[in-house]
């Protein structure tokens, strides 16, 4: 018997700048991924296959951090404080 587990992450950045930052993170960490941009809406999707749950969690944490960093509303609040 042979068993194979595949994890696929589908990341859809909402903040401008996140797609580039995340792609650079993935390249720097040796990931293979596909990058697709919808011609009509401009929406970006980054698909990645992972071997382990921990690798997915690390990438998700990096992605979430980049989305937060690139959110202009958060930047405004930080400048006021």
N, C-alpha and C. Protein backbone atom coordinates (compact mmCIF):
# COMPACT_ATOMS: atom_id res chain seq x y z
N UNK A 1 0.84 -1.17 0.00
CA UNK A 1 0.00 0.00 0.00
C UNK A 1 0.89 1.24 0.00
N UNK A 2 0.44 2.27 -0.67
CA UNK A 2 1.16 3.54 -0.73
C UNK A 2 0.20 4.66 -0.38
N UNK A 3 0.66 5.55 0.48
CA UNK A 3 -0.16 6.69 0.90
C UNK A 3 0.62 7.97 0.64
N UNK A 4 -0.05 8.94 0.09
CA UNK A 4 0.60 10.20 -0.19
C UNK A 4 -0.31 11.34 0.26
N UNK A 5 0.25 12.28 0.98
CA UNK A 5 -0.50 13.43 1.46
C UNK A 5 0.02 14.66 0.73
N UNK A 6 -0.90 15.42 0.16
CA UNK A 6 -0.50 16.65 -0.53
C UNK A 6 -1.25 17.82 0.11
N UNK A 7 -0.51 18.85 0.39
CA UNK A 7 -1.09 20.08 0.90
C UNK A 7 -0.93 21.16 -0.15
N UNK A 8 -2.01 21.85 -0.42
CA UNK A 8 -1.94 22.94 -1.39
C UNK A 8 -2.41 24.22 -0.72
N UNK A 9 -1.58 25.23 -0.80
CA UNK A 9 -1.96 26.53 -0.28
C UNK A 9 -2.35 27.44 -1.42
N UNK A 10 -3.46 28.16 -1.24
CA UNK A 10 -3.91 29.13 -2.23
C UNK A 10 -3.99 30.47 -1.52
N UNK A 11 -3.10 31.37 -1.86
CA UNK A 11 -2.99 32.67 -1.20
C UNK A 11 -3.49 33.76 -2.15
N UNK A 12 -4.38 34.60 -1.65
CA UNK A 12 -4.95 35.69 -2.45
C UNK A 12 -4.73 37.02 -1.73
N UNK A 13 -3.63 37.70 -2.04
CA UNK A 13 -3.33 38.96 -1.35
C UNK A 13 -4.37 40.04 -1.65
N UNK A 14 -4.73 40.78 -0.62
CA UNK A 14 -5.66 41.90 -0.77
C UNK A 14 -4.92 43.23 -0.78
N UNK A 15 -3.76 43.29 -0.17
CA UNK A 15 -3.00 44.54 -0.07
C UNK A 15 -1.95 44.61 -1.18
N UNK A 16 -1.85 45.80 -1.79
CA UNK A 16 -0.82 45.96 -2.81
C UNK A 16 0.55 45.85 -2.13
N UNK A 17 1.45 45.22 -2.77
CA UNK A 17 2.77 45.01 -2.20
C UNK A 17 2.94 43.62 -1.60
N UNK A 18 1.86 43.02 -1.14
CA UNK A 18 1.97 41.71 -0.50
C UNK A 18 2.38 40.64 -1.50
N UNK A 19 1.84 40.68 -2.72
CA UNK A 19 2.17 39.66 -3.71
C UNK A 19 3.67 39.64 -3.99
N UNK A 20 4.26 40.81 -4.18
CA UNK A 20 5.70 40.88 -4.45
C UNK A 20 6.50 40.41 -3.24
N UNK A 21 6.14 40.92 -2.06
CA UNK A 21 6.85 40.53 -0.83
C UNK A 21 6.78 39.02 -0.61
N UNK A 22 5.58 38.45 -0.81
CA UNK A 22 5.38 37.02 -0.58
C UNK A 22 6.13 36.19 -1.62
N UNK A 23 6.12 36.63 -2.87
CA UNK A 23 6.87 35.91 -3.91
C UNK A 23 8.37 35.90 -3.59
N UNK A 24 8.88 37.04 -3.13
CA UNK A 24 10.30 37.09 -2.75
C UNK A 24 10.59 36.17 -1.56
N UNK A 25 9.67 36.12 -0.60
CA UNK A 25 9.81 35.20 0.55
C UNK A 25 9.86 33.76 0.06
N UNK A 26 8.95 33.40 -0.85
CA UNK A 26 8.89 32.02 -1.36
C UNK A 26 10.16 31.66 -2.12
N UNK A 27 10.62 32.55 -2.97
CA UNK A 27 11.84 32.30 -3.73
C UNK A 27 13.03 32.15 -2.78
N UNK A 28 13.11 33.04 -1.80
CA UNK A 28 14.21 32.99 -0.84
C UNK A 28 14.24 31.73 0.00
N UNK A 29 13.07 31.09 0.14
CA UNK A 29 12.98 29.87 0.93
C UNK A 29 12.90 28.61 0.06
N UNK A 30 13.14 28.77 -1.24
CA UNK A 30 13.23 27.62 -2.14
C UNK A 30 11.92 26.98 -2.54
N UNK A 31 10.81 27.70 -2.44
CA UNK A 31 9.51 27.14 -2.83
C UNK A 31 9.28 27.30 -4.33
N UNK A 32 8.60 26.31 -4.91
CA UNK A 32 8.08 26.43 -6.28
C UNK A 32 6.63 26.82 -6.15
N UNK A 33 6.19 27.76 -6.97
CA UNK A 33 4.80 28.22 -6.85
C UNK A 33 4.32 28.72 -8.20
N UNK A 34 3.00 28.87 -8.32
CA UNK A 34 2.43 29.48 -9.52
C UNK A 34 1.79 30.80 -9.12
N UNK A 35 1.91 31.77 -10.01
CA UNK A 35 1.43 33.13 -9.79
C UNK A 35 0.46 33.44 -10.92
N UNK A 36 -0.77 33.76 -10.56
CA UNK A 36 -1.78 34.05 -11.59
C UNK A 36 -2.45 35.38 -11.28
N UNK A 37 -2.62 36.19 -12.32
CA UNK A 37 -3.33 37.46 -12.16
C UNK A 37 -4.53 37.45 -13.10
N UNK A 38 -5.72 37.70 -12.55
CA UNK A 38 -6.94 37.76 -13.34
C UNK A 38 -6.92 39.04 -14.16
N UNK A 39 -7.02 38.90 -15.47
CA UNK A 39 -6.93 40.07 -16.36
C UNK A 39 -8.07 41.05 -16.15
N UNK A 40 -9.25 40.55 -15.81
CA UNK A 40 -10.42 41.41 -15.66
C UNK A 40 -10.43 42.14 -14.32
N UNK A 41 -10.14 41.43 -13.25
CA UNK A 41 -10.26 42.01 -11.90
C UNK A 41 -8.93 42.45 -11.31
N UNK A 42 -7.84 41.93 -11.84
CA UNK A 42 -6.53 42.24 -11.28
C UNK A 42 -6.20 41.43 -10.03
N UNK A 43 -7.13 40.54 -9.62
CA UNK A 43 -6.90 39.69 -8.44
C UNK A 43 -5.73 38.74 -8.70
N UNK A 44 -4.92 38.55 -7.67
CA UNK A 44 -3.74 37.69 -7.76
C UNK A 44 -3.95 36.45 -6.90
N UNK A 45 -3.54 35.30 -7.43
CA UNK A 45 -3.57 34.05 -6.68
C UNK A 45 -2.20 33.40 -6.78
N UNK A 46 -1.69 32.99 -5.62
CA UNK A 46 -0.41 32.28 -5.56
C UNK A 46 -0.68 30.89 -5.01
N UNK A 47 -0.39 29.86 -5.82
CA UNK A 47 -0.60 28.47 -5.43
C UNK A 47 0.73 27.81 -5.11
N UNK A 48 0.75 27.08 -4.00
CA UNK A 48 1.98 26.41 -3.56
C UNK A 48 1.62 25.02 -3.03
N UNK A 49 2.45 24.04 -3.35
CA UNK A 49 2.31 22.71 -2.78
C UNK A 49 3.31 22.56 -1.64
N UNK A 50 2.85 22.01 -0.53
CA UNK A 50 3.69 21.82 0.65
C UNK A 50 3.81 20.34 0.98
N UNK A 51 4.96 19.96 1.52
CA UNK A 51 5.16 18.58 1.94
C UNK A 51 4.70 18.36 3.38
N UNK A 52 4.75 19.40 4.20
CA UNK A 52 4.44 19.24 5.62
C UNK A 52 3.51 20.36 6.09
N UNK A 53 2.70 20.05 7.09
CA UNK A 53 1.81 21.04 7.69
C UNK A 53 2.60 22.23 8.22
N UNK A 54 3.74 21.98 8.84
CA UNK A 54 4.53 23.05 9.44
C UNK A 54 5.01 24.04 8.38
N UNK A 55 5.34 23.56 7.18
CA UNK A 55 5.78 24.47 6.11
C UNK A 55 4.63 25.37 5.66
N UNK A 56 3.43 24.78 5.58
CA UNK A 56 2.25 25.59 5.24
C UNK A 56 2.01 26.65 6.31
N UNK A 57 2.08 26.26 7.56
CA UNK A 57 1.83 27.20 8.67
C UNK A 57 2.86 28.34 8.67
N UNK A 58 4.11 28.02 8.39
CA UNK A 58 5.15 29.06 8.31
C UNK A 58 4.85 30.05 7.19
N UNK A 59 4.47 29.53 6.02
CA UNK A 59 4.15 30.39 4.88
C UNK A 59 2.91 31.23 5.17
N UNK A 60 1.91 30.64 5.79
CA UNK A 60 0.69 31.37 6.13
C UNK A 60 1.00 32.50 7.11
N UNK A 61 1.82 32.22 8.09
CA UNK A 61 2.18 33.24 9.07
C UNK A 61 2.94 34.40 8.38
N UNK A 62 3.84 34.07 7.47
CA UNK A 62 4.58 35.11 6.74
C UNK A 62 3.62 35.93 5.87
N UNK A 63 2.69 35.24 5.20
CA UNK A 63 1.72 35.92 4.34
C UNK A 63 0.85 36.88 5.17
N UNK A 64 0.32 36.38 6.29
CA UNK A 64 -0.53 37.21 7.15
C UNK A 64 0.22 38.43 7.66
N UNK A 65 1.48 38.24 8.02
CA UNK A 65 2.31 39.34 8.49
C UNK A 65 2.51 40.39 7.40
N UNK A 66 2.71 39.94 6.17
CA UNK A 66 2.91 40.86 5.05
C UNK A 66 1.62 41.61 4.73
N UNK A 67 0.49 40.92 4.80
CA UNK A 67 -0.80 41.58 4.56
C UNK A 67 -1.01 42.68 5.59
N UNK A 68 -0.67 42.40 6.84
CA UNK A 68 -0.84 43.40 7.90
C UNK A 68 0.10 44.57 7.68
N UNK A 69 1.36 44.28 7.33
CA UNK A 69 2.36 45.33 7.11
C UNK A 69 1.96 46.24 5.95
N UNK A 70 1.35 45.67 4.91
CA UNK A 70 1.00 46.43 3.72
C UNK A 70 -0.40 47.07 3.78
N UNK A 71 -1.09 46.92 4.90
CA UNK A 71 -2.42 47.48 5.05
C UNK A 71 -2.29 48.97 5.40
N UNK A 72 -2.75 49.86 4.50
CA UNK A 72 -2.60 51.29 4.76
C UNK A 72 -3.38 51.78 5.98
N UNK A 73 -4.48 51.14 6.32
CA UNK A 73 -5.25 51.56 7.49
C UNK A 73 -4.47 51.32 8.77
N UNK A 74 -3.75 50.21 8.84
CA UNK A 74 -2.95 49.94 10.03
C UNK A 74 -1.83 50.96 10.14
N UNK A 75 -1.23 51.34 9.01
CA UNK A 75 -0.14 52.31 9.02
C UNK A 75 -0.61 53.65 9.57
N UNK A 76 -1.82 54.06 9.22
CA UNK A 76 -2.36 55.32 9.72
C UNK A 76 -2.48 55.28 11.23
N UNK A 77 -3.01 54.18 11.77
CA UNK A 77 -3.17 54.06 13.22
C UNK A 77 -1.82 54.07 13.93
N UNK A 78 -0.82 53.44 13.35
CA UNK A 78 0.50 53.41 13.97
C UNK A 78 1.13 54.79 14.01
N UNK A 79 0.88 55.61 12.96
CA UNK A 79 1.46 56.96 12.92
C UNK A 79 0.82 57.86 13.97
N UNK A 80 -0.46 57.64 14.27
CA UNK A 80 -1.16 58.47 15.27
C UNK A 80 -0.67 58.19 16.68
N UNK A 81 -0.20 56.97 16.93
CA UNK A 81 0.23 56.59 18.29
C UNK A 81 1.62 57.02 18.59
